[in-house]
Amino acid sequence: MAFTNPNKPSGLSPVATLSGSDWTGKGRMYAIPTTDTTNNYFPGDLVSLVAGGAGGDVFGLPLISLTAAGAAAVGVIQAVGTVAQGGPYINPNDLSKTFAPLTKTVTYYAFVLDDPNIIWEIQEGGAGTNLTTAVIGRNANILLGAASTAANPGVFVSQTVMTDTAAPATTATLNLKILSLAQRPDNHFVTSPSTGGGGQKWWVLINNHSYRTGIVSL
């Protein structure tokens, strides 16, 4: 019997901590500036500190931008809105919007899980050969996907996946470190078709993290 995995990318989702301590869900507030006019921001998106000495916003919160493949990241967005200093993470002028749009007439604020010890689940995707057990312990990059901003279906989550187009390697600057295949009955290695990711879900760490130096894999 052939198994198939649901093809439902949703960015990075927290599942545990590397230390084994209880999961608290704690994070911190970061700001997305109005000058960012090239990216939507969704829950599950990997984000980076803004480079070039940009500093913070008027409340002293650090500025973030969407993480590119191979760039250092600070964490993953869990919620985003326009209310500063304590939330809630909503847009009071449009409660249907749970993401930050391309055009930002005001500063958006994101609740980011920025602990480098969080273990994340992410779907594999791309046009390369499906990953196998040989990649466990290696590092890999993300592949950005375009999430829908349409009012219908209205499910605004990240479409970022872990790429299989570029093979996982030992390079310390790659975004993620692969820990294991996600251990669930509905998650299997897919050999046919052999390309496109097979919907496989993996458990990873953010390897190239702003609060911890990237680590060369075995």
C-alpha atoms as a PDB file:
ATOM      1  CA  MET A   1       0.000   0.000   0.000  1.00  0.00           C
ATOM      2  CA  ALA A   2       1.402   3.385  -1.025  1.00  0.00           C
ATOM      3  CA  PHE A   3       1.351   6.148   1.578  1.00  0.00           C
ATOM      4  CA  THR A   4       0.862   9.814   0.828  1.00  0.00           C
ATOM      5  CA  ASN A   5       1.399  12.792   3.099  1.00  0.00           C
ATOM      6  CA  PRO A   6      -0.936  15.794   3.206  1.00  0.00           C
ATOM      7  CA  ASN A   7       0.566  18.611   1.142  1.00  0.00           C
ATOM      8  CA  LYS A   8      -0.170  21.444   3.560  1.00  0.00           C
ATOM      9  CA  PRO A   9       2.817  23.729   4.096  1.00  0.00           C
ATOM     10  CA  SER A  10       2.391  26.122   7.007  1.00  0.00           C
ATOM     11  CA  GLY A  11       5.859  27.486   7.597  1.00  0.00           C
ATOM     12  CA  LEU A  12       7.542  26.555  10.874  1.00  0.00           C
ATOM     13  CA  SER A  13       5.455  25.276  13.795  1.00  0.00           C
ATOM     14  CA  PRO A  14       6.896  24.822  17.320  1.00  0.00           C
ATOM     15  CA  VAL A  15       6.755  21.267  18.673  1.00  0.00           C
ATOM     16  CA  ALA A  16       9.234  21.027  21.578  1.00  0.00           C
ATOM     17  CA  THR A  17      12.443  22.405  23.063  1.00  0.00           C
ATOM     18  CA  LEU A  18      15.922  20.968  22.654  1.00  0.00           C
ATOM     19  CA  SER A  19      16.518  21.207  26.409  1.00  0.00           C
ATOM     20  CA  GLY A  20      13.468  19.078  27.205  1.00  0.00           C
ATOM     21  CA  SER A  21      11.985  21.804  29.380  1.00  0.00           C
ATOM     22  CA  ASP A  22       8.235  22.445  29.336  1.00  0.00           C
ATOM     23  CA  TRP A  23       6.980  24.388  26.331  1.00  0.00           C
ATOM     24  CA  THR A  24       5.853  27.832  27.528  1.00  0.00           C
ATOM     25  CA  GLY A  25       4.967  29.545  24.264  1.00  0.00           C
ATOM     26  CA  LYS A  26       6.801  32.669  25.376  1.00  0.00           C
ATOM     27  CA  GLY A  27       8.207  35.065  22.808  1.00  0.00           C
ATOM     28  CA  ARG A  28       8.849  38.743  22.237  1.00  0.00           C
ATOM     29  CA  MET A  29       7.429  41.642  20.267  1.00  0.00           C
ATOM     30  CA  TYR A  30       9.229  42.858  17.139  1.00  0.00           C
ATOM     31  CA  ALA A  31       8.350  45.625  14.667  1.00  0.00           C
ATOM     32  CA  ILE A  32       7.863  45.512  10.876  1.00  0.00           C
ATOM     33  CA  PRO A  33       8.525  49.016   9.502  1.00  0.00           C
ATOM     34  CA  THR A  34       6.390  50.881   6.966  1.00  0.00           C
ATOM     35  CA  THR A  35       9.451  51.035   4.690  1.00  0.00           C
ATOM     36  CA  ASP A  36       9.055  47.294   4.039  1.00  0.00           C
ATOM     37  CA  THR A  37       6.930  47.282   0.879  1.00  0.00           C
ATOM     38  CA  THR A  38       8.090  44.008  -0.675  1.00  0.00           C
ATOM     39  CA  ASN A  39       6.874  41.317   1.728  1.00  0.00           C
ATOM     40  CA  ASN A  40       3.706  39.966   3.288  1.00  0.00           C
ATOM     41  CA  TYR A  41       4.235  38.527   6.786  1.00  0.00           C
ATOM     42  CA  PHE A  42       2.304  35.470   7.962  1.00  0.00           C
ATOM     43  CA  PRO A  43       2.276  33.273  11.065  1.00  0.00           C
ATOM     44  CA  GLY A  44       4.933  30.615  10.501  1.00  0.00           C
ATOM     45  CA  ASP A  45       7.304  32.929   8.606  1.00  0.00           C
ATOM     46  CA  LEU A  46      10.986  32.926   9.521  1.00  0.00           C
ATOM     47  CA  VAL A  47      12.231  36.480  10.171  1.00  0.00           C
ATOM     48  CA  SER A  48      15.578  38.264  10.566  1.00  0.00           C
ATOM     49  CA  LEU A  49      16.784  41.360  12.373  1.00  0.00           C
ATOM     50  CA  VAL A  50      16.996  44.317   9.992  1.00  0.00           C
ATOM     51  CA  ALA A  51      20.636  44.855   9.070  1.00  0.00           C
ATOM     52  CA  GLY A  52      22.587  48.027   8.523  1.00  0.00           C
ATOM     53  CA  GLY A  53      22.225  49.682  11.900  1.00  0.00           C
ATOM     54  CA  ALA A  54      18.512  50.373  11.464  1.00  0.00           C
ATOM     55  CA  GLY A  55      17.993  49.842  15.189  1.00  0.00           C
ATOM     56  CA  GLY A  56      14.426  49.814  16.470  1.00  0.00           C
ATOM     57  CA  ASP A  57      11.086  51.569  16.206  1.00  0.00           C
ATOM     58  CA  VAL A  58       9.835  54.510  18.282  1.00  0.00           C
ATOM     59  CA  PHE A  59       9.066  52.156  21.188  1.00  0.00           C
ATOM     60  CA  GLY A  60      12.562  50.675  21.146  1.00  0.00           C
ATOM     61  CA  LEU A  61      11.475  47.380  19.611  1.00  0.00           C
ATOM     62  CA  PRO A  62      13.842  45.623  17.169  1.00  0.00           C
ATOM     63  CA  LEU A  63      12.967  45.765  13.473  1.00  0.00           C
ATOM     64  CA  ILE A  64      12.582  42.560  11.459  1.00  0.00           C
ATOM     65  CA  SER A  65      12.401  41.518   7.822  1.00  0.00           C
ATOM     66  CA  LEU A  66      11.569  38.267   6.037  1.00  0.00           C
ATOM     67  CA  THR A  67      14.460  35.776   6.150  1.00  0.00           C
ATOM     68  CA  ALA A  68      16.121  34.815   2.877  1.00  0.00           C
ATOM     69  CA  ALA A  69      17.690  31.444   2.138  1.00  0.00           C
ATOM     70  CA  GLY A  70      21.079  31.256   3.852  1.00  0.00           C
ATOM     71  CA  ALA A  71      20.517  34.319   6.046  1.00  0.00           C
ATOM     72  CA  ALA A  72      20.592  34.489   9.838  1.00  0.00           C
ATOM     73  CA  ALA A  73      17.154  34.411  11.470  1.00  0.00           C
ATOM     74  CA  VAL A  74      15.920  35.602  14.847  1.00  0.00           C
ATOM     75  CA  GLY A  75      12.763  33.495  15.104  1.00  0.00           C
ATOM     76  CA  VAL A  76       9.317  32.681  13.740  1.00  0.00           C
ATOM     77  CA  ILE A  77       6.170  34.826  13.695  1.00  0.00           C
ATOM     78  CA  GLN A  78       3.223  33.459  15.659  1.00  0.00           C
ATOM     79  CA  ALA A  79       0.872  36.440  15.343  1.00  0.00           C
ATOM     80  CA  VAL A  80       0.941  39.910  13.788  1.00  0.00           C
ATOM     81  CA  GLY A  81      -1.107  43.099  14.097  1.00  0.00           C
ATOM     82  CA  THR A  82      -0.949  46.876  14.325  1.00  0.00           C
ATOM     83  CA  VAL A  83      -1.308  47.341  18.092  1.00  0.00           C
ATOM     84  CA  ALA A  84       1.949  48.150  19.869  1.00  0.00           C
ATOM     85  CA  GLN A  85       3.186  47.574  23.411  1.00  0.00           C
ATOM     86  CA  GLY A  86       1.331  44.507  24.586  1.00  0.00           C
ATOM     87  CA  GLY A  87      -1.028  43.665  21.748  1.00  0.00           C
ATOM     88  CA  PRO A  88      -3.470  42.151  21.037  1.00  0.00           C
ATOM     89  CA  TYR A  89      -2.016  41.095  17.719  1.00  0.00           C
ATOM     90  CA  ILE A  90      -4.861  42.318  15.507  1.00  0.00           C
ATOM     91  CA  ASN A  91      -5.635  45.042  13.022  1.00  0.00           C
ATOM     92  CA  PRO A  92      -8.562  46.909  14.635  1.00  0.00           C
ATOM     93  CA  ASN A  93      -9.516  48.366  11.242  1.00  0.00           C
ATOM     94  CA  ASP A  94      -9.822  44.931   9.616  1.00  0.00           C
ATOM     95  CA  LEU A  95     -10.192  41.945  11.942  1.00  0.00           C
ATOM     96  CA  SER A  96     -10.101  39.551   8.975  1.00  0.00           C
ATOM     97  CA  LYS A  97      -6.441  40.374   8.399  1.00  0.00           C
ATOM     98  CA  THR A  98      -4.106  38.182  10.450  1.00  0.00           C
ATOM     99  CA  PHE A  99      -1.041  39.065   8.402  1.00  0.00           C
ATOM    100  CA  ALA A 100       0.996  42.148   7.529  1.00  0.00           C
ATOM    101  CA  PRO A 101       0.382  43.194   3.896  1.00  0.00           C
ATOM    102  CA  LEU A 102       2.824  44.436   1.277  1.00  0.00           C
ATOM    103  CA  THR A 103       1.734  48.046   1.706  1.00  0.00           C
ATOM    104  CA  LYS A 104       2.038  49.059   5.348  1.00  0.00           C
ATOM    105  CA  THR A 105       0.531  52.432   6.161  1.00  0.00           C
ATOM    106  CA  VAL A 106       1.410  51.883   9.820  1.00  0.00           C
ATOM    107  CA  THR A 107       4.040  49.876  11.648  1.00  0.00           C
ATOM    108  CA  TYR A 108       3.052  46.243  12.223  1.00  0.00           C
ATOM    109  CA  TYR A 109       4.034  44.312  15.325  1.00  0.00           C
ATOM    110  CA  ALA A 110       4.812  40.611  15.413  1.00  0.00           C
ATOM    111  CA  PHE A 111       4.921  38.138  18.279  1.00  0.00           C
ATOM    112  CA  VAL A 112       8.081  36.149  17.510  1.00  0.00           C
ATOM    113  CA  LEU A 113       9.332  32.960  19.158  1.00  0.00           C
ATOM    114  CA  ASP A 114      13.049  33.741  19.281  1.00  0.00           C
ATOM    115  CA  ASP A 115      14.479  31.015  21.535  1.00  0.00           C
ATOM    116  CA  PRO A 116      17.215  29.224  19.517  1.00  0.00           C
ATOM    117  CA  ASN A 117      16.442  25.949  21.361  1.00  0.00           C
ATOM    118  CA  ILE A 118      12.925  25.531  19.927  1.00  0.00           C
ATOM    119  CA  ILE A 119      12.365  22.462  17.761  1.00  0.00           C
ATOM    120  CA  TRP A 120      10.193  23.224  14.726  1.00  0.00           C
ATOM    121  CA  GLU A 121       8.169  21.188  12.275  1.00  0.00           C
ATOM    122  CA  ILE A 122       8.357  22.156   8.610  1.00  0.00           C
ATOM    123  CA  GLN A 123       7.232  20.543   5.386  1.00  0.00           C
ATOM    124  CA  GLU A 124       9.732  19.601   2.719  1.00  0.00           C
ATOM    125  CA  GLY A 125       9.119  21.060  -0.729  1.00  0.00           C
ATOM    126  CA  GLY A 126      10.672  22.057  -4.007  1.00  0.00           C
ATOM    127  CA  ALA A 127      11.464  20.448  -7.336  1.00  0.00           C
ATOM    128  CA  GLY A 128      14.342  18.242  -6.197  1.00  0.00           C
ATOM    129  CA  THR A 129      14.520  14.591  -5.220  1.00  0.00           C
ATOM    130  CA  ASN A 130      12.633  13.795  -2.014  1.00  0.00           C
ATOM    131  CA  LEU A 131      14.889  13.780   1.039  1.00  0.00           C
ATOM    132  CA  THR A 132      15.870  10.513   2.735  1.00  0.00           C
ATOM    133  CA  THR A 133      17.372   9.440   6.069  1.00  0.00           C
ATOM    134  CA  ALA A 134      20.786  10.424   4.696  1.00  0.00           C
ATOM    135  CA  VAL A 135      20.024  14.110   5.413  1.00  0.00           C
ATOM    136  CA  ILE A 136      19.498  13.716   9.169  1.00  0.00           C
ATOM    137  CA  GLY A 137      22.107  15.830  10.959  1.00  0.00           C
ATOM    138  CA  ARG A 138      22.694  18.014   7.889  1.00  0.00           C
ATOM    139  CA  ASN A 139      21.778  21.663   7.359  1.00  0.00           C
ATOM    140  CA  ALA A 140      19.251  22.939   4.809  1.00  0.00           C
ATOM    141  CA  ASN A 141      17.802  26.192   3.524  1.00  0.00           C
ATOM    142  CA  ILE A 142      14.215  27.371   3.416  1.00  0.00           C
ATOM    143  CA  LEU A 143      12.241  27.949   0.228  1.00  0.00           C
ATOM    144  CA  LEU A 144       9.797  30.854   0.337  1.00  0.00           C
ATOM    145  CA  GLY A 145       6.297  30.296  -0.993  1.00  0.00           C
ATOM    146  CA  ALA A 146       3.547  32.792  -1.748  1.00  0.00           C
ATOM    147  CA  ALA A 147       0.680  32.551   0.733  1.00  0.00           C
ATOM    148  CA  SER A 148      -2.810  33.601  -0.302  1.00  0.00           C
ATOM    149  CA  THR A 149      -4.048  37.033   0.776  1.00  0.00           C
ATOM    150  CA  ALA A 150      -7.516  36.563  -0.731  1.00  0.00           C
ATOM    151  CA  ALA A 151     -10.531  36.963   1.526  1.00  0.00           C
ATOM    152  CA  ASN A 152     -11.608  33.473   0.502  1.00  0.00           C
ATOM    153  CA  PRO A 153     -10.387  30.919   1.687  1.00  0.00           C
ATOM    154  CA  GLY A 154      -9.003  33.298   4.311  1.00  0.00           C
ATOM    155  CA  VAL A 155      -6.362  30.935   5.724  1.00  0.00           C
ATOM    156  CA  PHE A 156      -3.405  33.215   6.164  1.00  0.00           C
ATOM    157  CA  VAL A 157      -0.386  31.061   7.044  1.00  0.00           C
ATOM    158  CA  SER A 158       3.169  30.881   5.786  1.00  0.00           C
ATOM    159  CA  GLN A 159       3.932  28.726   2.753  1.00  0.00           C
ATOM    160  CA  THR A 160       7.645  28.471   3.569  1.00  0.00           C
ATOM    161  CA  VAL A 161       9.075  24.965   3.214  1.00  0.00           C
ATOM    162  CA  MET A 162      12.457  23.294   3.649  1.00  0.00           C
ATOM    163  CA  THR A 163      13.949  23.003   0.200  1.00  0.00           C
ATOM    164  CA  ASP A 164      14.976  19.760  -1.465  1.00  0.00           C
ATOM    165  CA  THR A 165      16.052  21.596  -4.628  1.00  0.00           C
ATOM    166  CA  ALA A 166      19.470  22.285  -3.065  1.00  0.00           C
ATOM    167  CA  ALA A 167      20.730  19.220  -1.217  1.00  0.00           C
ATOM    168  CA  PRO A 168      21.284  19.532   2.551  1.00  0.00           C
ATOM    169  CA  ALA A 169      24.953  20.095   3.328  1.00  0.00           C
ATOM    170  CA  THR A 170      27.469  20.800   6.084  1.00  0.00           C
ATOM    171  CA  THR A 171      27.469  24.581   5.529  1.00  0.00           C
ATOM    172  CA  ALA A 172      27.046  26.472   8.813  1.00  0.00           C
ATOM    173  CA  THR A 173      25.089  29.377   7.281  1.00  0.00           C
ATOM    174  CA  LEU A 174      22.174  27.266   6.018  1.00  0.00           C
ATOM    175  CA  ASN A 175      18.915  28.186   7.758  1.00  0.00           C
ATOM    176  CA  LEU A 176      17.930  24.897   9.400  1.00  0.00           C
ATOM    177  CA  LYS A 177      19.466  21.854  11.071  1.00  0.00           C
ATOM    178  CA  ILE A 178      17.581  18.612  10.389  1.00  0.00           C
ATOM    179  CA  LEU A 179      16.916  16.543  13.526  1.00  0.00           C
ATOM    180  CA  SER A 180      14.535  13.836  12.296  1.00  0.00           C
ATOM    181  CA  LEU A 181      11.474  12.999  10.263  1.00  0.00           C
ATOM    182  CA  ALA A 182       8.404  14.108  12.235  1.00  0.00           C
ATOM    183  CA  GLN A 183       7.293  11.062  14.177  1.00  0.00           C
ATOM    184  CA  ARG A 184       3.590  10.764  13.400  1.00  0.00           C
ATOM    185  CA  PRO A 185       1.508   7.987  11.815  1.00  0.00           C
ATOM    186  CA  ASP A 186       0.451  10.306   8.982  1.00  0.00           C
ATOM    187  CA  ASN A 187       4.034  11.162   7.977  1.00  0.00           C
ATOM    188  CA  HIS A 188       6.058   8.847   5.750  1.00  0.00           C
ATOM    189  CA  PHE A 189       8.973   8.885   3.331  1.00  0.00           C
ATOM    190  CA  VAL A 190       7.508   9.077  -0.166  1.00  0.00           C
ATOM    191  CA  THR A 191       9.367   7.380  -3.016  1.00  0.00           C
ATOM    192  CA  SER A 192       6.776   7.819  -5.751  1.00  0.00           C
ATOM    193  CA  PRO A 193       6.697  10.410  -7.106  1.00  0.00           C
ATOM    194  CA  SER A 194      10.362  10.825  -6.242  1.00  0.00           C
ATOM    195  CA  THR A 195      10.436  14.618  -6.588  1.00  0.00           C
ATOM    196  CA  GLY A 196       8.568  17.572  -5.161  1.00  0.00           C
ATOM    197  CA  GLY A 197       8.964  16.893  -1.462  1.00  0.00           C
ATOM    198  CA  GLY A 198       6.302  14.250  -0.984  1.00  0.00           C
ATOM    199  CA  GLY A 199       4.656  16.379   1.695  1.00  0.00           C
ATOM    200  CA  GLN A 200       7.180  15.031   4.210  1.00  0.00           C
ATOM    201  CA  LYS A 201       7.335  16.841   7.559  1.00  0.00           C
ATOM    202  CA  TRP A 202      10.662  17.273   9.375  1.00  0.00           C
ATOM    203  CA  TRP A 203      11.753  18.379  12.845  1.00  0.00           C
ATOM    204  CA  VAL A 204      14.483  21.012  12.714  1.00  0.00           C
ATOM    205  CA  LEU A 205      16.303  23.689  14.652  1.00  0.00           C
ATOM    206  CA  ILE A 206      16.970  27.199  13.342  1.00  0.00           C
ATOM    207  CA  ASN A 207      20.649  26.627  12.674  1.00  0.00           C
ATOM    208  CA  ASN A 208      21.729  30.078  11.480  1.00  0.00           C
ATOM    209  CA  HIS A 209      20.245  31.980  14.436  1.00  0.00           C
ATOM    210  CA  SER A 210      21.016  35.578  15.437  1.00  0.00           C
ATOM    211  CA  TYR A 211      21.235  34.534  19.095  1.00  0.00           C
ATOM    212  CA  ARG A 212      23.441  31.515  18.406  1.00  0.00           C
ATOM    213  CA  THR A 213      26.167  30.985  15.811  1.00  0.00           C
ATOM    214  CA  GLY A 214      25.389  28.616  12.949  1.00  0.00           C
ATOM    215  CA  ILE A 215      26.789  25.103  13.397  1.00  0.00           C
ATOM    216  CA  VAL A 216      28.592  23.015  10.800  1.00  0.00           C
ATOM    217  CA  SER A 217      26.835  19.652  10.454  1.00  0.00           C
ATOM    218  CA  LEU A 218      28.440  16.219  10.717  1.00  0.00           C
END
